[in-house]
Amino acid sequence: MKRSDFIKVIAKKTRLSQRLTEEVVSTIFDEIKNQLKRDEKIVVWGFGTFFTKTVDKKKGIHPITKQEIIHKPHRVVRFIPSRKFRKEIK
């Protein structure tokens, strides 16, 4: 599902205009990004938890040249679904 499809579905269910729905969805996504940039955990009850994790540097091998490369430490976003969400998906 693309972002535009997501907005259309929400607009239809809530009977709001697509423009207003797009603003709301954009605001929610922007706030999630801002919180994650500040290393804050986001808990959405009944859905799950978003958080960032730092991955340490590690060695790797370039698949073509077979040379050893070092991957720099970096942050990644993780998501853990809630128990309720996991049960509904199964």
PDB file of N, CA and C in Angstrom:
ATOM      1  N   MET A   1       0.847  -1.175   0.000  1.00  0.00           N
ATOM      2  CA  MET A   1       0.000   0.000   0.000  1.00  0.00           C
ATOM      3  C   MET A   1       0.889   1.234   0.000  1.00  0.00           C
ATOM      4  N   LYS A   2       0.620   2.137  -0.902  1.00  0.00           N
ATOM      5  CA  LYS A   2       1.369   3.386  -0.982  1.00  0.00           C
ATOM      6  C   LYS A   2       0.774   4.403  -0.016  1.00  0.00           C
ATOM      7  N   ARG A   3       1.524   5.457   0.225  1.00  0.00           N
ATOM      8  CA  ARG A   3       1.067   6.511   1.137  1.00  0.00           C
ATOM      9  C   ARG A   3      -0.252   7.117   0.649  1.00  0.00           C
ATOM     10  N   SER A   4      -0.383   7.344  -0.659  1.00  0.00           N
ATOM     11  CA  SER A   4      -1.614   7.940  -1.204  1.00  0.00           C
ATOM     12  C   SER A   4      -2.807   7.012  -0.998  1.00  0.00           C
ATOM     13  N   ASP A   5      -2.602   5.704  -1.139  1.00  0.00           N
ATOM     14  CA  ASP A   5      -3.678   4.743  -0.894  1.00  0.00           C
ATOM     15  C   ASP A   5      -4.082   4.755   0.584  1.00  0.00           C
ATOM     16  N   PHE A   6      -3.084   4.840   1.440  1.00  0.00           N
ATOM     17  CA  PHE A   6      -3.307   4.898   2.881  1.00  0.00           C
ATOM     18  C   PHE A   6      -4.160   6.117   3.239  1.00  0.00           C
ATOM     19  N   ILE A   7      -3.840   7.253   2.652  1.00  0.00           N
ATOM     20  CA  ILE A   7      -4.579   8.492   2.909  1.00  0.00           C
ATOM     21  C   ILE A   7      -6.010   8.373   2.401  1.00  0.00           C
ATOM     22  N   LYS A   8      -6.200   7.795   1.234  1.00  0.00           N
ATOM     23  CA  LYS A   8      -7.552   7.623   0.683  1.00  0.00           C
ATOM     24  C   LYS A   8      -8.425   6.755   1.582  1.00  0.00           C
ATOM     25  N   VAL A   9      -7.863   5.668   2.093  1.00  0.00           N
ATOM     26  CA  VAL A   9      -8.618   4.769   2.966  1.00  0.00           C
ATOM     27  C   VAL A   9      -9.022   5.490   4.248  1.00  0.00           C
ATOM     28  N   ILE A  10      -8.100   6.213   4.848  1.00  0.00           N
ATOM     29  CA  ILE A  10      -8.409   6.930   6.088  1.00  0.00           C
ATOM     30  C   ILE A  10      -9.437   8.029   5.833  1.00  0.00           C
ATOM     31  N   ALA A  11      -9.295   8.761   4.740  1.00  0.00           N
ATOM     32  CA  ALA A  11     -10.242   9.828   4.409  1.00  0.00           C
ATOM     33  C   ALA A  11     -11.644   9.269   4.226  1.00  0.00           C
ATOM     34  N   LYS A  12     -11.726   8.112   3.584  1.00  0.00           N
ATOM     35  CA  LYS A  12     -13.036   7.502   3.339  1.00  0.00           C
ATOM     36  C   LYS A  12     -13.678   7.028   4.649  1.00  0.00           C
ATOM     37  N   LYS A  13     -12.875   6.394   5.522  1.00  0.00           N
ATOM     38  CA  LYS A  13     -13.407   5.884   6.785  1.00  0.00           C
ATOM     39  C   LYS A  13     -13.789   6.998   7.752  1.00  0.00           C
ATOM     40  N   THR A  14     -13.039   8.096   7.741  1.00  0.00           N
ATOM     41  CA  THR A  14     -13.308   9.184   8.688  1.00  0.00           C
ATOM     42  C   THR A  14     -14.193  10.275   8.105  1.00  0.00           C
ATOM     43  N   ARG A  15     -14.461  10.195   6.802  1.00  0.00           N
ATOM     44  CA  ARG A  15     -15.260  11.192   6.090  1.00  0.00           C
ATOM     45  C   ARG A  15     -14.647  12.584   6.159  1.00  0.00           C
ATOM     46  N   LEU A  16     -13.321  12.622   6.198  1.00  0.00           N
ATOM     47  CA  LEU A  16     -12.594  13.890   6.142  1.00  0.00           C
ATOM     48  C   LEU A  16     -12.092  14.096   4.726  1.00  0.00           C
ATOM     49  N   SER A  17     -11.744  15.341   4.401  1.00  0.00           N
ATOM     50  CA  SER A  17     -11.202  15.598   3.071  1.00  0.00           C
ATOM     51  C   SER A  17      -9.821  14.960   2.956  1.00  0.00           C
ATOM     52  N   GLN A  18      -9.430  14.659   1.730  1.00  0.00           N
ATOM     53  CA  GLN A  18      -8.119  14.044   1.525  1.00  0.00           C
ATOM     54  C   GLN A  18      -7.002  15.008   1.907  1.00  0.00           C
ATOM     55  N   ARG A  19      -7.221  16.293   1.682  1.00  0.00           N
ATOM     56  CA  ARG A  19      -6.205  17.285   2.031  1.00  0.00           C
ATOM     57  C   ARG A  19      -5.972  17.316   3.543  1.00  0.00           C
ATOM     58  N   LEU A  20      -7.051  17.326   4.321  1.00  0.00           N
ATOM     59  CA  LEU A  20      -6.929  17.336   5.780  1.00  0.00           C
ATOM     60  C   LEU A  20      -6.321  16.028   6.282  1.00  0.00           C
ATOM     61  N   THR A  21      -6.758  14.923   5.698  1.00  0.00           N
ATOM     62  CA  THR A  21      -6.215  13.620   6.082  1.00  0.00           C
ATOM     63  C   THR A  21      -4.728  13.545   5.775  1.00  0.00           C
ATOM     64  N   GLU A  22      -4.322  14.090   4.634  1.00  0.00           N
ATOM     65  CA  GLU A  22      -2.905  14.092   4.278  1.00  0.00           C
ATOM     66  C   GLU A  22      -2.089  14.908   5.282  1.00  0.00           C
ATOM     67  N   GLU A  23      -2.623  16.035   5.743  1.00  0.00           N
ATOM     68  CA  GLU A  23      -1.933  16.850   6.743  1.00  0.00           C
ATOM     69  C   GLU A  23      -1.774  16.081   8.057  1.00  0.00           C
ATOM     70  N   VAL A  24      -2.840  15.398   8.467  1.00  0.00           N
ATOM     71  CA  VAL A  24      -2.802  14.633   9.714  1.00  0.00           C
ATOM     72  C   VAL A  24      -1.781  13.505   9.617  1.00  0.00           C
ATOM     73  N   VAL A  25      -1.830  12.748   8.537  1.00  0.00           N
ATOM     74  CA  VAL A  25      -0.904  11.626   8.352  1.00  0.00           C
ATOM     75  C   VAL A  25       0.539  12.135   8.286  1.00  0.00           C
ATOM     76  N   SER A  26       0.772  13.210   7.561  1.00  0.00           N
ATOM     77  CA  SER A  26       2.115  13.776   7.460  1.00  0.00           C
ATOM     78  C   SER A  26       2.615  14.245   8.821  1.00  0.00           C
ATOM     79  N   THR A  27       1.739  14.869   9.598  1.00  0.00           N
ATOM     80  CA  THR A  27       2.114  15.335  10.929  1.00  0.00           C
ATOM     81  C   THR A  27       2.479  14.164  11.830  1.00  0.00           C
ATOM     82  N   ILE A  28       1.714  13.094  11.775  1.00  0.00           N
ATOM     83  CA  ILE A  28       2.003  11.906  12.592  1.00  0.00           C
ATOM     84  C   ILE A  28       3.351  11.312  12.202  1.00  0.00           C
ATOM     85  N   PHE A  29       3.578  11.112  10.912  1.00  0.00           N
ATOM     86  CA  PHE A  29       4.840  10.536  10.453  1.00  0.00           C
ATOM     87  C   PHE A  29       6.025  11.438  10.783  1.00  0.00           C
ATOM     88  N   ASP A  30       5.859  12.751  10.628  1.00  0.00           N
ATOM     89  CA  ASP A  30       6.935  13.688  10.945  1.00  0.00           C
ATOM     90  C   ASP A  30       7.274  13.649  12.433  1.00  0.00           C
ATOM     91  N   GLU A  31       6.259  13.550  13.270  1.00  0.00           N
ATOM     92  CA  GLU A  31       6.504  13.505  14.710  1.00  0.00           C
ATOM     93  C   GLU A  31       7.189  12.205  15.113  1.00  0.00           C
ATOM     94  N   ILE A  32       6.816  11.100  14.473  1.00  0.00           N
ATOM     95  CA  ILE A  32       7.498   9.829  14.738  1.00  0.00           C
ATOM     96  C   ILE A  32       8.975   9.954  14.360  1.00  0.00           C
ATOM     97  N   LYS A  33       9.263  10.531  13.197  1.00  0.00           N
ATOM     98  CA  LYS A  33      10.652  10.722  12.768  1.00  0.00           C
ATOM     99  C   LYS A  33      11.414  11.601  13.747  1.00  0.00           C
ATOM    100  N   ASN A  34      10.793  12.708  14.184  1.00  0.00           N
ATOM    101  CA  ASN A  34      11.464  13.627  15.105  1.00  0.00           C
ATOM    102  C   ASN A  34      11.788  12.954  16.431  1.00  0.00           C
ATOM    103  N   GLN A  35      10.863  12.163  16.952  1.00  0.00           N
ATOM    104  CA  GLN A  35      11.101  11.467  18.215  1.00  0.00           C
ATOM    105  C   GLN A  35      12.230  10.447  18.060  1.00  0.00           C
ATOM    106  N   LEU A  36      12.252   9.726  16.955  1.00  0.00           N
ATOM    107  CA  LEU A  36      13.300   8.734  16.719  1.00  0.00           C
ATOM    108  C   LEU A  36      14.659   9.400  16.530  1.00  0.00           C
ATOM    109  N   LYS A  37      14.692  10.580  15.919  1.00  0.00           N
ATOM    110  CA  LYS A  37      15.951  11.318  15.767  1.00  0.00           C
ATOM    111  C   LYS A  37      16.529  11.670  17.126  1.00  0.00           C
ATOM    112  N   ARG A  38      15.653  11.898  18.112  1.00  0.00           N
ATOM    113  CA  ARG A  38      16.089  12.247  19.467  1.00  0.00           C
ATOM    114  C   ARG A  38      16.290  11.012  20.340  1.00  0.00           C
ATOM    115  N   ASP A  39      16.300   9.836  19.723  1.00  0.00           N
ATOM    116  CA  ASP A  39      16.483   8.559  20.433  1.00  0.00           C
ATOM    117  C   ASP A  39      15.395   8.289  21.464  1.00  0.00           C
ATOM    118  N   GLU A  40      14.197   8.763  21.219  1.00  0.00           N
ATOM    119  CA  GLU A  40      13.093   8.510  22.126  1.00  0.00           C
ATOM    120  C   GLU A  40      12.271   7.340  21.614  1.00  0.00           C
ATOM    121  N   LYS A  41      11.743   6.568  22.541  1.00  0.00           N
ATOM    122  CA  LYS A  41      10.928   5.411  22.211  1.00  0.00           C
ATOM    123  C   LYS A  41       9.485   5.869  21.985  1.00  0.00           C
ATOM    124  N   ILE A  42       8.819   5.286  21.003  1.00  0.00           N
ATOM    125  CA  ILE A  42       7.424   5.606  20.709  1.00  0.00           C
ATOM    126  C   ILE A  42       6.595   4.358  20.948  1.00  0.00           C
ATOM    127  N   VAL A  43       5.664   4.450  21.890  1.00  0.00           N
ATOM    128  CA  VAL A  43       4.805   3.312  22.225  1.00  0.00           C
ATOM    129  C   VAL A  43       3.390   3.645  21.781  1.00  0.00           C
ATOM    130  N   VAL A  44       2.832   2.834  20.893  1.00  0.00           N
ATOM    131  CA  VAL A  44       1.453   2.989  20.444  1.00  0.00           C
ATOM    132  C   VAL A  44       0.694   1.781  20.984  1.00  0.00           C
ATOM    133  N   TRP A  45      -0.110   2.001  22.034  1.00  0.00           N
ATOM    134  CA  TRP A  45      -0.811   0.897  22.692  1.00  0.00           C
ATOM    135  C   TRP A  45      -1.671   0.125  21.699  1.00  0.00           C
ATOM    136  N   GLY A  46      -1.569  -1.181  21.755  1.00  0.00           N
ATOM    137  CA  GLY A  46      -2.330  -2.048  20.868  1.00  0.00           C
ATOM    138  C   GLY A  46      -1.709  -2.209  19.490  1.00  0.00           C
ATOM    139  N   PHE A  47      -0.609  -1.506  19.221  1.00  0.00           N
ATOM    140  CA  PHE A  47       0.046  -1.609  17.919  1.00  0.00           C
ATOM    141  C   PHE A  47       1.490  -2.065  18.066  1.00  0.00           C
ATOM    142  N   GLY A  48       2.312  -1.283  18.798  1.00  0.00           N
ATOM    143  CA  GLY A  48       3.691  -1.695  18.991  1.00  0.00           C
ATOM    144  C   GLY A  48       4.583  -0.552  19.423  1.00  0.00           C
ATOM    145  N   THR A  49       5.879  -0.821  19.420  1.00  0.00           N
ATOM    146  CA  THR A  49       6.877   0.135  19.876  1.00  0.00           C
ATOM    147  C   THR A  49       7.938   0.347  18.808  1.00  0.00           C
ATOM    148  N   PHE A  50       8.234   1.610  18.532  1.00  0.00           N
ATOM    149  CA  PHE A  50       9.315   2.001  17.631  1.00  0.00           C
ATOM    150  C   PHE A  50      10.458   2.511  18.487  1.00  0.00           C
ATOM    151  N   PHE A  51      11.700   2.143  18.143  1.00  0.00           N
ATOM    152  CA  PHE A  51      12.863   2.652  18.851  1.00  0.00           C
ATOM    153  C   PHE A  51      14.074   2.557  17.942  1.00  0.00           C
ATOM    154  N   THR A  52      15.136   3.274  18.323  1.00  0.00           N
ATOM    155  CA  THR A  52      16.374   3.221  17.547  1.00  0.00           C
ATOM    156  C   THR A  52      17.398   2.391  18.298  1.00  0.00           C
ATOM    157  N   LYS A  53      18.283   1.772  17.540  1.00  0.00           N
ATOM    158  CA  LYS A  53      19.332   0.943  18.114  1.00  0.00           C
ATOM    159  C   LYS A  53      20.620   1.264  17.367  1.00  0.00           C
ATOM    160  N   THR A  54      21.715   1.340  18.098  1.00  0.00           N
ATOM    161  CA  THR A  54      23.000   1.585  17.476  1.00  0.00           C
ATOM    162  C   THR A  54      23.669   0.256  17.146  1.00  0.00           C
ATOM    163  N   VAL A  55      24.062   0.111  15.891  1.00  0.00           N
ATOM    164  CA  VAL A  55      24.747  -1.089  15.433  1.00  0.00           C
ATOM    165  C   VAL A  55      26.241  -0.783  15.432  1.00  0.00           C
ATOM    166  N   ASP A  56      27.015  -1.606  16.125  1.00  0.00           N
ATOM    167  CA  ASP A  56      28.466  -1.394  16.199  1.00  0.00           C
ATOM    168  C   ASP A  56      29.123  -1.636  14.850  1.00  0.00           C
ATOM    169  N   LYS A  57      30.372  -1.151  14.735  1.00  0.00           N
ATOM    170  CA  LYS A  57      31.097  -1.407  13.490  1.00  0.00           C
ATOM    171  C   LYS A  57      31.372  -2.902  13.388  1.00  0.00           C
ATOM    172  N   LYS A  58      31.418  -3.384  12.157  1.00  0.00           N
ATOM    173  CA  LYS A  58      31.698  -4.805  11.957  1.00  0.00           C
ATOM    174  C   LYS A  58      32.415  -5.009  10.635  1.00  0.00           C
ATOM    175  N   LYS A  59      33.067  -6.136  10.531  1.00  0.00           N
ATOM    176  CA  LYS A  59      33.788  -6.478   9.316  1.00  0.00           C
ATOM    177  C   LYS A  59      32.834  -7.132   8.323  1.00  0.00           C
ATOM    178  N   GLY A  60      33.114  -6.901   7.060  1.00  0.00           N
ATOM    179  CA  GLY A  60      32.353  -7.521   6.005  1.00  0.00           C
ATOM    180  C   GLY A  60      33.269  -7.817   4.828  1.00  0.00           C
ATOM    181  N   ILE A  61      32.735  -8.475   3.823  1.00  0.00           N
ATOM    182  CA  ILE A  61      33.506  -8.795   2.626  1.00  0.00           C
ATOM    183  C   ILE A  61      32.734  -8.297   1.418  1.00  0.00           C
ATOM    184  N   HIS A  62      33.425  -7.541   0.577  1.00  0.00           N
ATOM    185  CA  HIS A  62      32.815  -7.053  -0.655  1.00  0.00           C
ATOM    186  C   HIS A  62      32.548  -8.269  -1.544  1.00  0.00           C
ATOM    187  N   PRO A  63      31.310  -8.465  -2.014  1.00  0.00           N
ATOM    188  CA  PRO A  63      30.977  -9.693  -2.755  1.00  0.00           C
ATOM    189  C   PRO A  63      31.685  -9.861  -4.099  1.00  0.00           C
ATOM    190  N   ILE A  64      32.088  -8.773  -4.711  1.00  0.00           N
ATOM    191  CA  ILE A  64      32.728  -8.887  -6.022  1.00  0.00           C
ATOM    192  C   ILE A  64      34.244  -8.956  -5.888  1.00  0.00           C
ATOM    193  N   THR A  65      34.833  -8.012  -5.150  1.00  0.00           N
ATOM    194  CA  THR A  65      36.286  -7.943  -5.051  1.00  0.00           C
ATOM    195  C   THR A  65      36.851  -8.842  -3.955  1.00  0.00           C
ATOM    196  N   LYS A  66      36.007  -9.342  -3.075  1.00  0.00           N
ATOM    197  CA  LYS A  66      36.411 -10.205  -1.953  1.00  0.00           C
ATOM    198  C   LYS A  66      37.342  -9.489  -0.970  1.00  0.00           C
ATOM    199  N   GLN A  67      37.369  -8.160  -1.034  1.00  0.00           N
ATOM    200  CA  GLN A  67      38.184  -7.397  -0.095  1.00  0.00           C
ATOM    201  C   GLN A  67      37.416  -7.200   1.201  1.00  0.00           C
ATOM    202  N   GLU A  68      38.165  -7.149   2.296  1.00  0.00           N
ATOM    203  CA  GLU A  68      37.542  -6.926   3.590  1.00  0.00           C
ATOM    204  C   GLU A  68      37.188  -5.441   3.720  1.00  0.00           C
ATOM    205  N   ILE A  69      35.973  -5.161   4.195  1.00  0.00           N
ATOM    206  CA  ILE A  69      35.550  -3.785   4.418  1.00  0.00           C
ATOM    207  C   ILE A  69      35.025  -3.667   5.845  1.00  0.00           C
ATOM    208  N   ILE A  70      35.066  -2.468   6.370  1.00  0.00           N
ATOM    209  CA  ILE A  70      34.564  -2.206   7.716  1.00  0.00           C
ATOM    210  C   ILE A  70      33.295  -1.369   7.586  1.00  0.00           C
ATOM    211  N   HIS A  71      32.191  -1.880   8.146  1.00  0.00           N
ATOM    212  CA  HIS A  71      30.938  -1.129   8.177  1.00  0.00           C
ATOM    213  C   HIS A  71      30.969  -0.219   9.389  1.00  0.00           C
ATOM    214  N   LYS A  72      30.708   1.051   9.190  1.00  0.00           N
ATOM    215  CA  LYS A  72      30.751   2.028  10.270  1.00  0.00           C
ATOM    216  C   LYS A  72      29.575   1.824  11.237  1.00  0.00           C
ATOM    217  N   PRO A  73      29.734   2.243  12.498  1.00  0.00           N
ATOM    218  CA  PRO A  73      28.590   2.172  13.418  1.00  0.00           C
ATOM    219  C   PRO A  73      27.480   3.115  12.933  1.00  0.00           C
ATOM    220  N   HIS A  74      26.247   2.686  13.071  1.00  0.00           N
ATOM    221  CA  HIS A  74      25.127   3.506  12.629  1.00  0.00           C
ATOM    222  C   HIS A  74      23.869   3.151  13.428  1.00  0.00           C
ATOM    223  N   ARG A  75      22.874   4.005  13.326  1.00  0.00           N
ATOM    224  CA  ARG A  75      21.613   3.774  14.027  1.00  0.00           C
ATOM    225  C   ARG A  75      20.595   3.192  13.059  1.00  0.00           C
ATOM    226  N   VAL A  76      19.768   2.294  13.574  1.00  0.00           N
ATOM    227  CA  VAL A  76      18.695   1.703  12.775  1.00  0.00           C
ATOM    228  C   VAL A  76      17.396   1.795  13.574  1.00  0.00           C
ATOM    229  N   VAL A  77      16.278   1.809  12.869  1.00  0.00           N
ATOM    230  CA  VAL A  77      14.964   1.856  13.519  1.00  0.00           C
ATOM    231  C   VAL A  77      14.454   0.430  13.663  1.00  0.00           C
ATOM    232  N   ARG A  78      13.938   0.127  14.827  1.00  0.00           N
ATOM    233  CA  ARG A  78      13.379  -1.192  15.107  1.00  0.00           C
ATOM    234  C   ARG A  78      11.913  -1.031  15.500  1.00  0.00           C
ATOM    235  N   PHE A  79      11.138  -2.078  15.266  1.00  0.00           N
ATOM    236  CA  PHE A  79       9.721  -2.093  15.636  1.00  0.00           C
ATOM    237  C   PHE A  79       9.411  -3.431  16.277  1.00  0.00           C
ATOM    238  N   ILE A  80       8.754  -3.383  17.434  1.00  0.00           N
ATOM    239  CA  ILE A  80       8.295  -4.604  18.093  1.00  0.00           C
ATOM    240  C   ILE A  80       6.775  -4.512  18.187  1.00  0.00           C
ATOM    241  N   PRO A  81       6.046  -5.400  17.522  1.00  0.00           N
ATOM    242  CA  PRO A  81       4.584  -5.358  17.597  1.00  0.00           C
ATOM    243  C   PRO A  81       4.098  -5.760  18.987  1.00  0.00           C
ATOM    244  N   SER A  82       2.951  -5.214  19.374  1.00  0.00           N
ATOM    245  CA  SER A  82       2.378  -5.565  20.672  1.00  0.00           C
ATOM    246  C   SER A  82       1.810  -6.982  20.613  1.00  0.00           C
ATOM    247  N   ARG A  83       1.553  -7.552  21.767  1.00  0.00           N
ATOM    248  CA  ARG A  83       0.978  -8.910  21.811  1.00  0.00           C
ATOM    249  C   ARG A  83      -0.370  -8.951  21.110  1.00  0.00           C
ATOM    250  N   LYS A  84      -1.180  -7.935  21.361  1.00  0.00           N
ATOM    251  CA  LYS A  84      -2.511  -7.870  20.741  1.00  0.00           C
ATOM    252  C   LYS A  84      -2.388  -7.848  19.212  1.00  0.00           C
ATOM    253  N   PHE A  85      -1.458  -7.044  18.705  1.00  0.00           N
ATOM    254  CA  PHE A  85      -1.245  -6.943  17.263  1.00  0.00           C
ATOM    255  C   PHE A  85      -0.776  -8.267  16.682  1.00  0.00           C
ATOM    256  N   ARG A  86       0.159  -8.925  17.372  1.00  0.00           N
ATOM    257  CA  ARG A  86       0.663 -10.232  16.901  1.00  0.00           C
ATOM    258  C   ARG A  86      -0.456 -11.260  16.840  1.00  0.00           C
ATOM    259  N   LYS A  87      -1.330 -11.261  17.837  1.00  0.00           N
ATOM    260  CA  LYS A  87      -2.437 -12.224  17.850  1.00  0.00           C
ATOM    261  C   LYS A  87      -3.404 -11.968  16.708  1.00  0.00           C
ATOM    262  N   GLU A  88      -3.662 -10.695  16.415  1.00  0.00           N
ATOM    263  CA  GLU A  88      -4.585 -10.360  15.327  1.00  0.00           C
ATOM    264  C   GLU A  88      -4.018 -10.733  13.962  1.00  0.00           C
ATOM    265  N   ILE A  89      -2.714 -10.658  13.807  1.00  0.00           N
ATOM    266  CA  ILE A  89      -2.080 -10.971  12.522  1.00  0.00           C
ATOM    267  C   ILE A  89      -2.070 -12.483  12.259  1.00  0.00           C
ATOM    268  N   LYS A  90      -1.897 -13.261  13.320  1.00  0.00           N
ATOM    269  CA  LYS A  90      -1.814 -14.722  13.150  1.00  0.00           C
ATOM    270  C   LYS A  90      -3.081 -15.263  12.670  1.00  0.00           C
TER     271      LYS A  90
END
